[in-house]
Amino acid sequence: MVMQGKTSDTELIPEFSLTQIQFPAKLFYLLNLSGLCSSSGDARRQIQGGAVRLDGSKISEVDWSIESPLDLEGRVLQVGKKKFVRFTHST
C-alpha cells in the first residue's frame, strides 16, 4: 500500500518490508516492488526526472545500488509529491 497525500502525520506512511528482498538491490527495483512505480522502467524515468527522494534528499543516480536492508531501515522513499513508503526490515 502506498500513501498518497500530505505526510504531515508520519504515522500514516505505509511500511514496506525488506525481508524478502535479496541485497544488493537497485533502487529502481525497490521502487517497482514497493508499488511506488508501475514498472522498473517507470522507476528509472522517475529517477531521471528528479521525482525520487529518500528522506527528503533527491536521488539522481538511476543505477544506485543498496548493499544492505539496514541502509534503508526506517527511511522514507518518496515519488513525486504524493507517494510515500517507509522501509522496515523486521522479521
N, C-alpha and C. Protein backbone atom coordinates (compact mmCIF):
# COMPACT_ATOMS: atom_id res chain seq x y z
N MET A 1 0.83 -1.18 0.00
CA MET A 1 0.00 0.00 0.00
C MET A 1 0.87 1.24 0.00
N VAL A 2 0.54 2.19 -0.82
CA VAL A 2 1.29 3.42 -0.95
C VAL A 2 0.42 4.57 -0.47
N MET A 3 0.98 5.42 0.36
CA MET A 3 0.23 6.57 0.85
C MET A 3 0.23 7.66 -0.19
N GLN A 4 -0.91 8.27 -0.38
CA GLN A 4 -1.00 9.41 -1.28
C GLN A 4 -1.56 10.58 -0.50
N GLY A 5 -0.95 11.73 -0.67
CA GLY A 5 -1.40 12.94 0.01
C GLY A 5 -0.31 13.50 0.88
N LYS A 6 -0.71 14.34 1.83
CA LYS A 6 0.24 15.02 2.69
C LYS A 6 0.86 14.06 3.70
N THR A 7 2.10 14.34 4.08
CA THR A 7 2.78 13.50 5.06
C THR A 7 2.95 14.23 6.38
N SER A 8 2.03 15.09 6.73
CA SER A 8 2.14 15.82 7.98
C SER A 8 2.08 14.87 9.17
N ASP A 9 1.42 13.74 9.01
CA ASP A 9 1.36 12.74 10.07
C ASP A 9 2.16 11.52 9.63
N THR A 10 3.39 11.42 10.11
CA THR A 10 4.28 10.35 9.66
C THR A 10 3.81 8.97 10.09
N GLU A 11 2.89 8.90 11.03
CA GLU A 11 2.36 7.60 11.46
C GLU A 11 1.54 6.95 10.34
N LEU A 12 1.05 7.74 9.41
CA LEU A 12 0.19 7.21 8.35
C LEU A 12 0.96 6.70 7.13
N ILE A 13 2.27 6.88 7.13
CA ILE A 13 3.06 6.41 5.99
C ILE A 13 3.10 4.89 6.04
N PRO A 14 2.68 4.23 4.96
CA PRO A 14 2.68 2.76 4.95
C PRO A 14 4.10 2.21 4.98
N GLU A 15 4.23 1.02 5.51
CA GLU A 15 5.54 0.38 5.60
C GLU A 15 5.69 -0.68 4.52
N PHE A 16 6.92 -0.83 4.07
CA PHE A 16 7.26 -1.86 3.09
C PHE A 16 8.40 -2.68 3.68
N SER A 17 8.16 -3.97 3.87
CA SER A 17 9.17 -4.85 4.47
C SER A 17 10.21 -5.29 3.45
N LEU A 18 11.46 -5.21 3.86
CA LEU A 18 12.58 -5.59 3.00
C LEU A 18 13.03 -7.03 3.25
N THR A 19 12.31 -7.79 4.07
CA THR A 19 12.76 -9.12 4.46
C THR A 19 12.85 -10.10 3.29
N GLN A 20 12.02 -9.92 2.26
CA GLN A 20 12.03 -10.86 1.14
C GLN A 20 12.90 -10.39 -0.03
N ILE A 21 13.56 -9.25 0.12
CA ILE A 21 14.39 -8.69 -0.95
C ILE A 21 15.81 -9.20 -0.80
N GLN A 22 16.39 -9.61 -1.92
CA GLN A 22 17.77 -10.06 -1.91
C GLN A 22 18.68 -8.86 -2.21
N PHE A 23 19.62 -8.61 -1.31
CA PHE A 23 20.54 -7.49 -1.45
C PHE A 23 21.90 -7.98 -1.90
N PRO A 24 22.67 -7.16 -2.61
CA PRO A 24 22.40 -5.77 -3.00
C PRO A 24 21.26 -5.68 -4.01
N ALA A 25 20.54 -4.55 -3.97
CA ALA A 25 19.39 -4.33 -4.84
C ALA A 25 19.44 -2.92 -5.41
N LYS A 26 18.96 -2.77 -6.63
CA LYS A 26 18.91 -1.47 -7.29
C LYS A 26 17.69 -0.70 -6.79
N LEU A 27 17.83 0.60 -6.68
CA LEU A 27 16.73 1.44 -6.21
C LEU A 27 15.52 1.33 -7.12
N PHE A 28 15.72 1.30 -8.44
CA PHE A 28 14.57 1.23 -9.35
C PHE A 28 13.78 -0.06 -9.14
N TYR A 29 14.46 -1.13 -8.76
CA TYR A 29 13.81 -2.41 -8.45
C TYR A 29 12.93 -2.26 -7.20
N LEU A 30 13.44 -1.59 -6.17
CA LEU A 30 12.67 -1.39 -4.95
C LEU A 30 11.49 -0.47 -5.17
N LEU A 31 11.65 0.52 -6.04
CA LEU A 31 10.53 1.40 -6.37
C LEU A 31 9.39 0.61 -7.01
N ASN A 32 9.74 -0.32 -7.86
CA ASN A 32 8.75 -1.16 -8.52
C ASN A 32 8.09 -2.11 -7.51
N LEU A 33 8.88 -2.82 -6.73
CA LEU A 33 8.33 -3.79 -5.78
C LEU A 33 7.47 -3.15 -4.70
N SER A 34 7.83 -1.95 -4.29
CA SER A 34 7.09 -1.29 -3.21
C SER A 34 5.77 -0.70 -3.70
N GLY A 35 5.57 -0.66 -5.02
CA GLY A 35 4.33 -0.13 -5.57
C GLY A 35 4.36 1.36 -5.84
N LEU A 36 5.51 2.00 -5.59
CA LEU A 36 5.62 3.43 -5.85
C LEU A 36 5.65 3.72 -7.36
N CYS A 37 6.13 2.75 -8.14
CA CYS A 37 6.17 2.87 -9.60
C CYS A 37 5.56 1.61 -10.20
N SER A 38 5.00 1.74 -11.39
CA SER A 38 4.29 0.62 -12.01
C SER A 38 5.22 -0.41 -12.64
N SER A 39 6.47 -0.02 -12.91
CA SER A 39 7.44 -0.94 -13.50
C SER A 39 8.84 -0.42 -13.22
N SER A 40 9.85 -1.25 -13.49
CA SER A 40 11.23 -0.81 -13.33
C SER A 40 11.56 0.31 -14.30
N GLY A 41 10.99 0.25 -15.50
CA GLY A 41 11.20 1.30 -16.50
C GLY A 41 10.61 2.62 -16.03
N ASP A 42 9.41 2.56 -15.44
CA ASP A 42 8.79 3.76 -14.89
C ASP A 42 9.65 4.30 -13.76
N ALA A 43 10.18 3.43 -12.93
CA ALA A 43 11.03 3.85 -11.81
C ALA A 43 12.28 4.57 -12.33
N ARG A 44 12.89 4.03 -13.37
CA ARG A 44 14.08 4.67 -13.96
C ARG A 44 13.72 6.07 -14.47
N ARG A 45 12.58 6.20 -15.13
CA ARG A 45 12.15 7.51 -15.65
C ARG A 45 11.90 8.49 -14.51
N GLN A 46 11.30 8.02 -13.43
CA GLN A 46 11.04 8.89 -12.28
C GLN A 46 12.35 9.39 -11.66
N ILE A 47 13.34 8.49 -11.55
CA ILE A 47 14.64 8.88 -11.01
C ILE A 47 15.30 9.91 -11.93
N GLN A 48 15.31 9.62 -13.23
CA GLN A 48 15.92 10.55 -14.20
C GLN A 48 15.22 11.90 -14.18
N GLY A 49 13.92 11.91 -13.94
CA GLY A 49 13.16 13.15 -13.92
C GLY A 49 13.25 13.92 -12.62
N GLY A 50 13.95 13.38 -11.64
CA GLY A 50 14.14 14.07 -10.37
C GLY A 50 12.97 13.96 -9.41
N ALA A 51 12.12 12.97 -9.60
CA ALA A 51 10.92 12.84 -8.77
C ALA A 51 11.10 11.94 -7.56
N VAL A 52 12.29 11.34 -7.39
CA VAL A 52 12.50 10.37 -6.31
C VAL A 52 13.36 10.98 -5.21
N ARG A 53 12.87 10.82 -3.97
CA ARG A 53 13.61 11.33 -2.81
C ARG A 53 13.67 10.25 -1.73
N LEU A 54 14.79 10.23 -1.03
CA LEU A 54 14.96 9.33 0.11
C LEU A 54 15.20 10.22 1.33
N ASP A 55 14.29 10.18 2.27
CA ASP A 55 14.33 11.07 3.44
C ASP A 55 14.49 12.53 3.04
N GLY A 56 13.83 12.92 1.95
CA GLY A 56 13.84 14.31 1.51
C GLY A 56 14.98 14.69 0.58
N SER A 57 15.97 13.81 0.40
CA SER A 57 17.11 14.10 -0.48
C SER A 57 16.87 13.49 -1.85
N LYS A 58 17.01 14.31 -2.87
CA LYS A 58 16.77 13.86 -4.24
C LYS A 58 17.79 12.80 -4.65
N ILE A 59 17.30 11.74 -5.28
CA ILE A 59 18.15 10.67 -5.82
C ILE A 59 18.19 10.85 -7.33
N SER A 60 19.39 10.96 -7.90
CA SER A 60 19.51 11.17 -9.34
C SER A 60 20.27 10.06 -10.04
N GLU A 61 20.85 9.15 -9.28
CA GLU A 61 21.63 8.05 -9.87
C GLU A 61 20.69 6.87 -10.17
N VAL A 62 20.43 6.63 -11.46
CA VAL A 62 19.48 5.61 -11.88
C VAL A 62 19.89 4.21 -11.43
N ASP A 63 21.16 3.89 -11.47
CA ASP A 63 21.62 2.55 -11.12
C ASP A 63 22.14 2.46 -9.68
N TRP A 64 21.65 3.33 -8.80
CA TRP A 64 22.09 3.30 -7.41
C TRP A 64 21.74 1.96 -6.79
N SER A 65 22.73 1.34 -6.16
CA SER A 65 22.55 0.03 -5.56
C SER A 65 22.63 0.14 -4.04
N ILE A 66 21.70 -0.51 -3.36
CA ILE A 66 21.68 -0.54 -1.90
C ILE A 66 22.27 -1.87 -1.47
N GLU A 67 23.28 -1.81 -0.62
CA GLU A 67 24.02 -3.01 -0.24
C GLU A 67 23.33 -3.86 0.81
N SER A 68 22.61 -3.23 1.72
CA SER A 68 22.02 -3.96 2.84
C SER A 68 20.66 -3.37 3.20
N PRO A 69 19.74 -4.19 3.70
CA PRO A 69 18.46 -3.64 4.13
C PRO A 69 18.62 -2.67 5.30
N LEU A 70 19.70 -2.81 6.05
CA LEU A 70 19.94 -1.92 7.18
C LEU A 70 20.20 -0.49 6.70
N ASP A 71 20.64 -0.33 5.45
CA ASP A 71 20.87 1.00 4.88
C ASP A 71 19.56 1.76 4.69
N LEU A 72 18.44 1.04 4.62
CA LEU A 72 17.14 1.66 4.37
C LEU A 72 16.19 1.59 5.56
N GLU A 73 16.56 0.89 6.60
CA GLU A 73 15.69 0.69 7.76
C GLU A 73 15.16 2.02 8.30
N GLY A 74 13.82 2.15 8.34
CA GLY A 74 13.18 3.34 8.89
C GLY A 74 13.16 4.55 7.98
N ARG A 75 13.77 4.46 6.81
CA ARG A 75 13.84 5.60 5.90
C ARG A 75 12.59 5.68 5.03
N VAL A 76 12.26 6.88 4.58
CA VAL A 76 11.07 7.12 3.78
C VAL A 76 11.46 7.40 2.34
N LEU A 77 10.88 6.64 1.42
CA LEU A 77 11.10 6.82 -0.01
C LEU A 77 9.88 7.50 -0.58
N GLN A 78 10.11 8.50 -1.42
CA GLN A 78 9.03 9.31 -1.97
C GLN A 78 9.18 9.40 -3.49
N VAL A 79 8.04 9.31 -4.18
CA VAL A 79 7.99 9.54 -5.62
C VAL A 79 6.97 10.64 -5.87
N GLY A 80 7.41 11.72 -6.47
CA GLY A 80 6.53 12.86 -6.69
C GLY A 80 6.17 13.52 -5.38
N LYS A 81 5.01 14.15 -5.36
CA LYS A 81 4.59 14.86 -4.15
C LYS A 81 3.67 14.05 -3.25
N LYS A 82 3.13 12.95 -3.78
CA LYS A 82 2.06 12.28 -3.04
C LYS A 82 2.28 10.81 -2.69
N LYS A 83 3.34 10.18 -3.17
CA LYS A 83 3.53 8.75 -2.93
C LYS A 83 4.71 8.54 -1.98
N PHE A 84 4.44 7.82 -0.89
CA PHE A 84 5.45 7.59 0.13
C PHE A 84 5.40 6.14 0.61
N VAL A 85 6.56 5.66 1.09
CA VAL A 85 6.60 4.36 1.76
C VAL A 85 7.80 4.38 2.73
N ARG A 86 7.61 3.76 3.91
CA ARG A 86 8.70 3.66 4.89
C ARG A 86 9.20 2.21 4.87
N PHE A 87 10.52 2.06 4.81
CA PHE A 87 11.12 0.73 4.77
C PHE A 87 11.31 0.16 6.18
N THR A 88 11.00 -1.12 6.31
CA THR A 88 11.26 -1.84 7.56
C THR A 88 12.00 -3.13 7.22
N HIS A 89 12.66 -3.67 8.19
CA HIS A 89 13.35 -4.95 7.99
C HIS A 89 13.08 -5.86 9.17
N SER A 90 11.86 -5.83 9.66
CA SER A 90 11.50 -6.70 10.77
C SER A 90 11.10 -8.07 10.25
N THR A 91 11.34 -9.07 11.05
CA THR A 91 11.03 -10.44 10.62
C THR A 91 9.64 -10.85 11.00
